[in-house]
PDB file of N, CA and C in Angstrom:
ATOM      1  N   UNK A   1      69.810  27.474  21.363  1.00  0.00           N
ATOM      2  CA  UNK A   1      68.822  28.187  22.133  1.00  0.00           C
ATOM      3  C   UNK A   1      69.302  29.628  22.272  1.00  0.00           C
ATOM      4  N   UNK A   2      68.409  30.542  22.028  1.00  0.00           N
ATOM      5  CA  UNK A   2      68.746  31.961  22.074  1.00  0.00           C
ATOM      6  C   UNK A   2      68.562  32.568  23.416  1.00  0.00           C
ATOM      7  N   UNK A   3      67.744  32.010  24.280  1.00  0.00           N
ATOM      8  CA  UNK A   3      67.455  32.671  25.564  1.00  0.00           C
ATOM      9  C   UNK A   3      67.565  31.647  26.715  1.00  0.00           C
ATOM     10  N   UNK A   4      67.894  32.127  27.850  1.00  0.00           N
ATOM     11  CA  UNK A   4      67.958  31.289  29.051  1.00  0.00           C
ATOM     12  C   UNK A   4      66.544  30.972  29.526  1.00  0.00           C
ATOM     13  N   UNK A   5      66.343  29.857  30.174  1.00  0.00           N
ATOM     14  CA  UNK A   5      65.022  29.428  30.629  1.00  0.00           C
ATOM     15  C   UNK A   5      64.345  30.429  31.538  1.00  0.00           C
ATOM     16  N   UNK A   6      65.106  31.029  32.454  1.00  0.00           N
ATOM     17  CA  UNK A   6      64.498  32.024  33.362  1.00  0.00           C
ATOM     18  C   UNK A   6      63.987  33.249  32.620  1.00  0.00           C
ATOM     19  N   UNK A   7      64.736  33.666  31.604  1.00  0.00           N
ATOM     20  CA  UNK A   7      64.342  34.807  30.809  1.00  0.00           C
ATOM     21  C   UNK A   7      63.079  34.482  30.016  1.00  0.00           C
ATOM     22  N   UNK A   8      62.965  33.275  29.525  1.00  0.00           N
ATOM     23  CA  UNK A   8      61.789  32.874  28.743  1.00  0.00           C
ATOM     24  C   UNK A   8      60.558  32.961  29.622  1.00  0.00           C
ATOM     25  N   UNK A   9      60.646  32.459  30.817  1.00  0.00           N
ATOM     26  CA  UNK A   9      59.478  32.462  31.723  1.00  0.00           C
ATOM     27  C   UNK A   9      59.000  33.846  32.019  1.00  0.00           C
ATOM     28  N   UNK A  10      59.913  34.819  32.050  1.00  0.00           N
ATOM     29  CA  UNK A  10      59.508  36.197  32.275  1.00  0.00           C
ATOM     30  C   UNK A  10      58.739  36.793  31.102  1.00  0.00           C
ATOM     31  N   UNK A  11      58.994  36.242  29.912  1.00  0.00           N
ATOM     32  CA  UNK A  11      58.438  36.853  28.684  1.00  0.00           C
ATOM     33  C   UNK A  11      57.182  36.191  28.160  1.00  0.00           C
ATOM     34  N   UNK A  12      56.888  34.949  28.602  1.00  0.00           N
ATOM     35  CA  UNK A  12      55.693  34.293  28.094  1.00  0.00           C
ATOM     36  C   UNK A  12      54.477  34.780  28.882  1.00  0.00           C
ATOM     37  N   UNK A  13      53.345  34.780  28.216  1.00  0.00           N
ATOM     38  CA  UNK A  13      52.098  35.278  28.837  1.00  0.00           C
ATOM     39  C   UNK A  13      51.593  34.266  29.897  1.00  0.00           C
ATOM     40  N   UNK A  14      50.662  34.723  30.711  1.00  0.00           N
ATOM     41  CA  UNK A  14      50.084  33.900  31.716  1.00  0.00           C
ATOM     42  C   UNK A  14      49.380  32.689  31.094  1.00  0.00           C
ATOM     43  N   UNK A  15      48.659  32.894  30.001  1.00  0.00           N
ATOM     44  CA  UNK A  15      47.952  31.773  29.363  1.00  0.00           C
ATOM     45  C   UNK A  15      48.945  30.770  28.792  1.00  0.00           C
ATOM     46  N   UNK A  16      50.097  31.230  28.270  1.00  0.00           N
ATOM     47  CA  UNK A  16      51.131  30.335  27.759  1.00  0.00           C
ATOM     48  C   UNK A  16      51.754  29.535  28.924  1.00  0.00           C
ATOM     49  N   UNK A  17      51.963  30.217  30.020  1.00  0.00           N
ATOM     50  CA  UNK A  17      52.486  29.518  31.211  1.00  0.00           C
ATOM     51  C   UNK A  17      51.526  28.419  31.668  1.00  0.00           C
ATOM     52  N   UNK A  18      50.242  28.711  31.672  1.00  0.00           N
ATOM     53  CA  UNK A  18      49.240  27.723  32.068  1.00  0.00           C
ATOM     54  C   UNK A  18      49.288  26.505  31.120  1.00  0.00           C
ATOM     55  N   UNK A  19      49.442  26.762  29.839  1.00  0.00           N
ATOM     56  CA  UNK A  19      49.545  25.644  28.886  1.00  0.00           C
ATOM     57  C   UNK A  19      50.794  24.790  29.174  1.00  0.00           C
ATOM     58  N   UNK A  20      51.896  25.460  29.397  1.00  0.00           N
ATOM     59  CA  UNK A  20      53.137  24.729  29.686  1.00  0.00           C
ATOM     60  C   UNK A  20      53.035  23.918  30.979  1.00  0.00           C
ATOM     61  N   UNK A  21      52.373  24.466  31.972  1.00  0.00           N
ATOM     62  CA  UNK A  21      52.156  23.740  33.225  1.00  0.00           C
ATOM     63  C   UNK A  21      51.296  22.512  32.978  1.00  0.00           C
ATOM     64  N   UNK A  22      50.229  22.688  32.191  1.00  0.00           N
ATOM     65  CA  UNK A  22      49.344  21.589  31.852  1.00  0.00           C
ATOM     66  C   UNK A  22      50.133  20.490  31.159  1.00  0.00           C
ATOM     67  N   UNK A  23      50.996  20.865  30.219  1.00  0.00           N
ATOM     68  CA  UNK A  23      51.827  19.883  29.525  1.00  0.00           C
ATOM     69  C   UNK A  23      52.750  19.202  30.502  1.00  0.00           C
ATOM     70  N   UNK A  24      53.307  19.949  31.406  1.00  0.00           N
ATOM     71  CA  UNK A  24      54.255  19.345  32.371  1.00  0.00           C
ATOM     72  C   UNK A  24      53.624  18.291  33.220  1.00  0.00           C
ATOM     73  N   UNK A  25      52.349  18.455  33.589  1.00  0.00           N
ATOM     74  CA  UNK A  25      51.642  17.465  34.398  1.00  0.00           C
ATOM     75  C   UNK A  25      51.444  16.144  33.648  1.00  0.00           C
ATOM     76  N   UNK A  26      51.553  16.146  32.348  1.00  0.00           N
ATOM     77  CA  UNK A  26      51.382  14.916  31.548  1.00  0.00           C
ATOM     78  C   UNK A  26      52.673  14.097  31.460  1.00  0.00           C
ATOM     79  N   UNK A  27      53.773  14.687  31.880  1.00  0.00           N
ATOM     80  CA  UNK A  27      55.048  14.037  31.808  1.00  0.00           C
ATOM     81  C   UNK A  27      55.372  13.416  33.180  1.00  0.00           C
ATOM     82  N   UNK A  28      55.753  12.128  33.218  1.00  0.00           N
ATOM     83  CA  UNK A  28      56.101  11.515  34.530  1.00  0.00           C
ATOM     84  C   UNK A  28      57.227  12.292  35.233  1.00  0.00           C
ATOM     85  N   UNK A  29      57.219  12.205  36.536  1.00  0.00           N
ATOM     86  CA  UNK A  29      58.178  12.979  37.342  1.00  0.00           C
ATOM     87  C   UNK A  29      59.621  12.735  36.923  1.00  0.00           C
ATOM     88  N   UNK A  30      60.011  11.490  36.684  1.00  0.00           N
ATOM     89  CA  UNK A  30      61.377  11.173  36.320  1.00  0.00           C
ATOM     90  C   UNK A  30      61.730  11.881  35.008  1.00  0.00           C
ATOM     91  N   UNK A  31      60.827  11.841  34.020  1.00  0.00           N
ATOM     92  CA  UNK A  31      61.083  12.510  32.750  1.00  0.00           C
ATOM     93  C   UNK A  31      61.096  14.042  32.923  1.00  0.00           C
ATOM     94  N   UNK A  32      60.225  14.539  33.811  1.00  0.00           N
ATOM     95  CA  UNK A  32      60.218  15.965  34.070  1.00  0.00           C
ATOM     96  C   UNK A  32      61.567  16.410  34.646  1.00  0.00           C
ATOM     97  N   UNK A  33      62.093  15.620  35.566  1.00  0.00           N
ATOM     98  CA  UNK A  33      63.415  15.898  36.114  1.00  0.00           C
ATOM     99  C   UNK A  33      64.482  15.925  35.029  1.00  0.00           C
ATOM    100  N   UNK A  34      64.328  15.039  34.039  1.00  0.00           N
ATOM    101  CA  UNK A  34      65.275  15.064  32.907  1.00  0.00           C
ATOM    102  C   UNK A  34      65.117  16.379  32.115  1.00  0.00           C
ATOM    103  N   UNK A  35      63.905  16.824  31.923  1.00  0.00           N
ATOM    104  CA  UNK A  35      63.665  18.072  31.220  1.00  0.00           C
ATOM    105  C   UNK A  35      64.379  19.252  31.926  1.00  0.00           C
ATOM    106  N   UNK A  36      64.258  19.273  33.233  1.00  0.00           N
ATOM    107  CA  UNK A  36      64.933  20.326  34.010  1.00  0.00           C
ATOM    108  C   UNK A  36      66.446  20.220  33.788  1.00  0.00           C
ATOM    109  N   UNK A  37      66.961  19.031  33.761  1.00  0.00           N
ATOM    110  CA  UNK A  37      68.407  18.811  33.515  1.00  0.00           C
ATOM    111  C   UNK A  37      68.744  19.316  32.127  1.00  0.00           C
ATOM    112  N   UNK A  38      67.916  19.022  31.121  1.00  0.00           N
ATOM    113  CA  UNK A  38      68.217  19.434  29.759  1.00  0.00           C
ATOM    114  C   UNK A  38      68.167  20.944  29.605  1.00  0.00           C
ATOM    115  N   UNK A  39      67.318  21.617  30.406  1.00  0.00           N
ATOM    116  CA  UNK A  39      67.282  23.071  30.388  1.00  0.00           C
ATOM    117  C   UNK A  39      68.610  23.696  30.778  1.00  0.00           C
ATOM    118  N   UNK A  40      69.374  22.963  31.550  1.00  0.00           N
ATOM    119  CA  UNK A  40      70.638  23.491  32.072  1.00  0.00           C
ATOM    120  C   UNK A  40      71.840  23.001  31.277  1.00  0.00           C
ATOM    121  N   UNK A  41      71.615  22.294  30.161  1.00  0.00           N
ATOM    122  CA  UNK A  41      72.739  21.822  29.325  1.00  0.00           C
ATOM    123  C   UNK A  41      73.532  23.010  28.839  1.00  0.00           C
ATOM    124  N   UNK A  42      74.837  22.839  28.801  1.00  0.00           N
ATOM    125  CA  UNK A  42      75.707  23.881  28.241  1.00  0.00           C
ATOM    126  C   UNK A  42      75.417  24.026  26.743  1.00  0.00           C
ATOM    127  N   UNK A  43      75.205  22.913  26.064  1.00  0.00           N
ATOM    128  CA  UNK A  43      74.824  22.947  24.656  1.00  0.00           C
ATOM    129  C   UNK A  43      73.309  23.086  24.611  1.00  0.00           C
ATOM    130  N   UNK A  44      72.838  24.327  24.562  1.00  0.00           N
ATOM    131  CA  UNK A  44      71.401  24.626  24.645  1.00  0.00           C
ATOM    132  C   UNK A  44      70.601  23.982  23.501  1.00  0.00           C
ATOM    133  N   UNK A  45      71.154  23.947  22.315  1.00  0.00           N
ATOM    134  CA  UNK A  45      70.450  23.342  21.180  1.00  0.00           C
ATOM    135  C   UNK A  45      70.212  21.874  21.407  1.00  0.00           C
ATOM    136  N   UNK A  46      71.205  21.140  21.941  1.00  0.00           N
ATOM    137  CA  UNK A  46      71.028  19.738  22.263  1.00  0.00           C
ATOM    138  C   UNK A  46      69.965  19.560  23.365  1.00  0.00           C
ATOM    139  N   UNK A  47      70.001  20.471  24.349  1.00  0.00           N
ATOM    140  CA  UNK A  47      69.012  20.395  25.411  1.00  0.00           C
ATOM    141  C   UNK A  47      67.603  20.530  24.884  1.00  0.00           C
ATOM    142  N   UNK A  48      67.393  21.466  23.966  1.00  0.00           N
ATOM    143  CA  UNK A  48      66.056  21.654  23.363  1.00  0.00           C
ATOM    144  C   UNK A  48      65.636  20.422  22.592  1.00  0.00           C
ATOM    145  N   UNK A  49      66.552  19.822  21.841  1.00  0.00           N
ATOM    146  CA  UNK A  49      66.238  18.599  21.076  1.00  0.00           C
ATOM    147  C   UNK A  49      65.811  17.487  22.039  1.00  0.00           C
ATOM    148  N   UNK A  50      66.482  17.329  23.147  1.00  0.00           N
ATOM    149  CA  UNK A  50      66.170  16.285  24.106  1.00  0.00           C
ATOM    150  C   UNK A  50      64.804  16.558  24.747  1.00  0.00           C
ATOM    151  N   UNK A  51      64.516  17.818  25.048  1.00  0.00           N
ATOM    152  CA  UNK A  51      63.235  18.164  25.642  1.00  0.00           C
ATOM    153  C   UNK A  51      62.102  17.829  24.679  1.00  0.00           C
ATOM    154  N   UNK A  52      62.269  18.208  23.421  1.00  0.00           N
ATOM    155  CA  UNK A  52      61.230  17.892  22.439  1.00  0.00           C
ATOM    156  C   UNK A  52      61.023  16.395  22.321  1.00  0.00           C
ATOM    157  N   UNK A  53      62.085  15.635  22.356  1.00  0.00           N
ATOM    158  CA  UNK A  53      61.997  14.177  22.270  1.00  0.00           C
ATOM    159  C   UNK A  53      61.173  13.617  23.420  1.00  0.00           C
ATOM    160  N   UNK A  54      61.406  14.142  24.618  1.00  0.00           N
ATOM    161  CA  UNK A  54      60.630  13.692  25.785  1.00  0.00           C
ATOM    162  C   UNK A  54      59.161  14.047  25.642  1.00  0.00           C
ATOM    163  N   UNK A  55      58.901  15.304  25.281  1.00  0.00           N
ATOM    164  CA  UNK A  55      57.533  15.767  25.139  1.00  0.00           C
ATOM    165  C   UNK A  55      56.776  14.937  24.106  1.00  0.00           C
ATOM    166  N   UNK A  56      57.421  14.560  23.024  1.00  0.00           N
ATOM    167  CA  UNK A  56      56.736  13.794  22.002  1.00  0.00           C
ATOM    168  C   UNK A  56      56.237  12.459  22.486  1.00  0.00           C
ATOM    169  N   UNK A  57      56.799  11.954  23.544  1.00  0.00           N
ATOM    170  CA  UNK A  57      56.360  10.656  24.101  1.00  0.00           C
ATOM    171  C   UNK A  57      55.020  10.797  24.838  1.00  0.00           C
ATOM    172  N   UNK A  58      54.755  11.999  25.354  1.00  0.00           N
ATOM    173  CA  UNK A  58      53.604  12.150  26.292  1.00  0.00           C
ATOM    174  C   UNK A  58      52.525  13.108  25.845  1.00  0.00           C
ATOM    175  N   UNK A  59      52.822  13.968  24.866  1.00  0.00           N
ATOM    176  CA  UNK A  59      51.858  14.961  24.438  1.00  0.00           C
ATOM    177  C   UNK A  59      51.285  14.619  23.089  1.00  0.00           C
ATOM    178  N   UNK A  60      50.117  15.098  22.798  1.00  0.00           N
ATOM    179  CA  UNK A  60      49.512  14.918  21.490  1.00  0.00           C
ATOM    180  C   UNK A  60      50.251  15.798  20.478  1.00  0.00           C
ATOM    181  N   UNK A  61      49.986  15.533  19.186  1.00  0.00           N
ATOM    182  CA  UNK A  61      50.597  16.358  18.155  1.00  0.00           C
ATOM    183  C   UNK A  61      50.203  17.815  18.303  1.00  0.00           C
ATOM    184  N   UNK A  62      48.953  18.047  18.659  1.00  0.00           N
ATOM    185  CA  UNK A  62      48.468  19.432  18.828  1.00  0.00           C
ATOM    186  C   UNK A  62      49.185  20.103  19.978  1.00  0.00           C
ATOM    187  N   UNK A  63      49.392  19.391  21.079  1.00  0.00           N
ATOM    188  CA  UNK A  63      50.081  19.962  22.252  1.00  0.00           C
ATOM    189  C   UNK A  63      51.561  20.252  21.913  1.00  0.00           C
ATOM    190  N   UNK A  64      52.166  19.354  21.148  1.00  0.00           N
ATOM    191  CA  UNK A  64      53.570  19.602  20.718  1.00  0.00           C
ATOM    192  C   UNK A  64      53.626  20.849  19.871  1.00  0.00           C
ATOM    193  N   UNK A  65      52.675  20.994  18.989  1.00  0.00           N
ATOM    194  CA  UNK A  65      52.626  22.191  18.122  1.00  0.00           C
ATOM    195  C   UNK A  65      52.491  23.450  18.971  1.00  0.00           C
ATOM    196  N   UNK A  66      51.615  23.416  19.959  1.00  0.00           N
ATOM    197  CA  UNK A  66      51.426  24.555  20.831  1.00  0.00           C
ATOM    198  C   UNK A  66      52.718  24.893  21.621  1.00  0.00           C
ATOM    199  N   UNK A  67      53.366  23.851  22.135  1.00  0.00           N
ATOM    200  CA  UNK A  67      54.610  24.053  22.904  1.00  0.00           C
ATOM    201  C   UNK A  67      55.674  24.680  22.022  1.00  0.00           C
ATOM    202  N   UNK A  68      55.763  24.202  20.769  1.00  0.00           N
ATOM    203  CA  UNK A  68      56.768  24.778  19.853  1.00  0.00           C
ATOM    204  C   UNK A  68      56.450  26.218  19.521  1.00  0.00           C
ATOM    205  N   UNK A  69      55.147  26.513  19.357  1.00  0.00           N
ATOM    206  CA  UNK A  69      54.764  27.922  19.071  1.00  0.00           C
ATOM    207  C   UNK A  69      55.120  28.837  20.185  1.00  0.00           C
ATOM    208  N   UNK A  70      54.943  28.375  21.423  1.00  0.00           N
ATOM    209  CA  UNK A  70      55.324  29.197  22.576  1.00  0.00           C
ATOM    210  C   UNK A  70      56.826  29.393  22.634  1.00  0.00           C
ATOM    211  N   UNK A  71      57.589  28.335  22.311  1.00  0.00           N
ATOM    212  CA  UNK A  71      59.061  28.403  22.424  1.00  0.00           C
ATOM    213  C   UNK A  71      59.727  29.039  21.200  1.00  0.00           C
ATOM    214  N   UNK A  72      59.021  29.096  20.095  1.00  0.00           N
ATOM    215  CA  UNK A  72      59.624  29.583  18.831  1.00  0.00           C
ATOM    216  C   UNK A  72      60.399  30.861  18.932  1.00  0.00           C
ATOM    217  N   UNK A  73      59.936  31.877  19.608  1.00  0.00           N
ATOM    218  CA  UNK A  73      60.724  33.142  19.666  1.00  0.00           C
ATOM    219  C   UNK A  73      62.014  33.028  20.411  1.00  0.00           C
ATOM    220  N   UNK A  74      62.199  31.957  21.189  1.00  0.00           N
ATOM    221  CA  UNK A  74      63.342  31.879  22.076  1.00  0.00           C
ATOM    222  C   UNK A  74      64.378  30.847  21.657  1.00  0.00           C
ATOM    223  N   UNK A  75      64.105  30.080  20.632  1.00  0.00           N
ATOM    224  CA  UNK A  75      65.042  29.017  20.210  1.00  0.00           C
ATOM    225  C   UNK A  75      65.403  29.140  18.734  1.00  0.00           C
ATOM    226  N   UNK A  76      66.475  28.465  18.363  1.00  0.00           N
ATOM    227  CA  UNK A  76      66.884  28.460  16.954  1.00  0.00           C
ATOM    228  C   UNK A  76      65.821  27.750  16.140  1.00  0.00           C
ATOM    229  N   UNK A  77      65.373  28.380  15.082  1.00  0.00           N
ATOM    230  CA  UNK A  77      64.299  27.826  14.258  1.00  0.00           C
ATOM    231  C   UNK A  77      64.672  26.527  13.615  1.00  0.00           C
ATOM    232  N   UNK A  78      65.964  26.324  13.315  1.00  0.00           N
ATOM    233  CA  UNK A  78      66.383  25.076  12.655  1.00  0.00           C
ATOM    234  C   UNK A  78      66.092  23.843  13.546  1.00  0.00           C
ATOM    235  N   UNK A  79      66.123  24.039  14.856  1.00  0.00           N
ATOM    236  CA  UNK A  79      65.942  22.927  15.758  1.00  0.00           C
ATOM    237  C   UNK A  79      64.491  22.456  15.691  1.00  0.00           C
ATOM    238  N   UNK A  80      63.534  23.364  15.761  1.00  0.00           N
ATOM    239  CA  UNK A  80      62.153  22.935  15.752  1.00  0.00           C
ATOM    240  C   UNK A  80      61.728  22.397  14.381  1.00  0.00           C
ATOM    241  N   UNK A  81      62.393  22.824  13.318  1.00  0.00           N
ATOM    242  CA  UNK A  81      62.092  22.288  11.994  1.00  0.00           C
ATOM    243  C   UNK A  81      62.430  20.809  11.924  1.00  0.00           C
ATOM    244  N   UNK A  82      63.420  20.367  12.705  1.00  0.00           N
ATOM    245  CA  UNK A  82      63.835  18.952  12.652  1.00  0.00           C
ATOM    246  C   UNK A  82      62.753  18.052  13.191  1.00  0.00           C
ATOM    247  N   UNK A  83      61.863  18.542  14.000  1.00  0.00           N
ATOM    248  CA  UNK A  83      60.848  17.706  14.634  1.00  0.00           C
ATOM    249  C   UNK A  83      59.478  17.947  14.066  1.00  0.00           C
TER     250      UNK A  83
END
């Protein structure tokens, strides 16, 4: 991961934030808590992989694509290619 989560939130547009919030509501609270934990992993690349794995359980393919597009400028491209 190239950027810290707080920095990412400062840089995404309002419409992108709305999409991310909509996606977050689709994830059960326990899983959402895991996502927050993964955001704070020391190994950021592993954290991103785990987050994508969680999201794939609850979001449609189109929503996953949108989430990756929003995140693309902030993460290593090799990670999102794996999924």
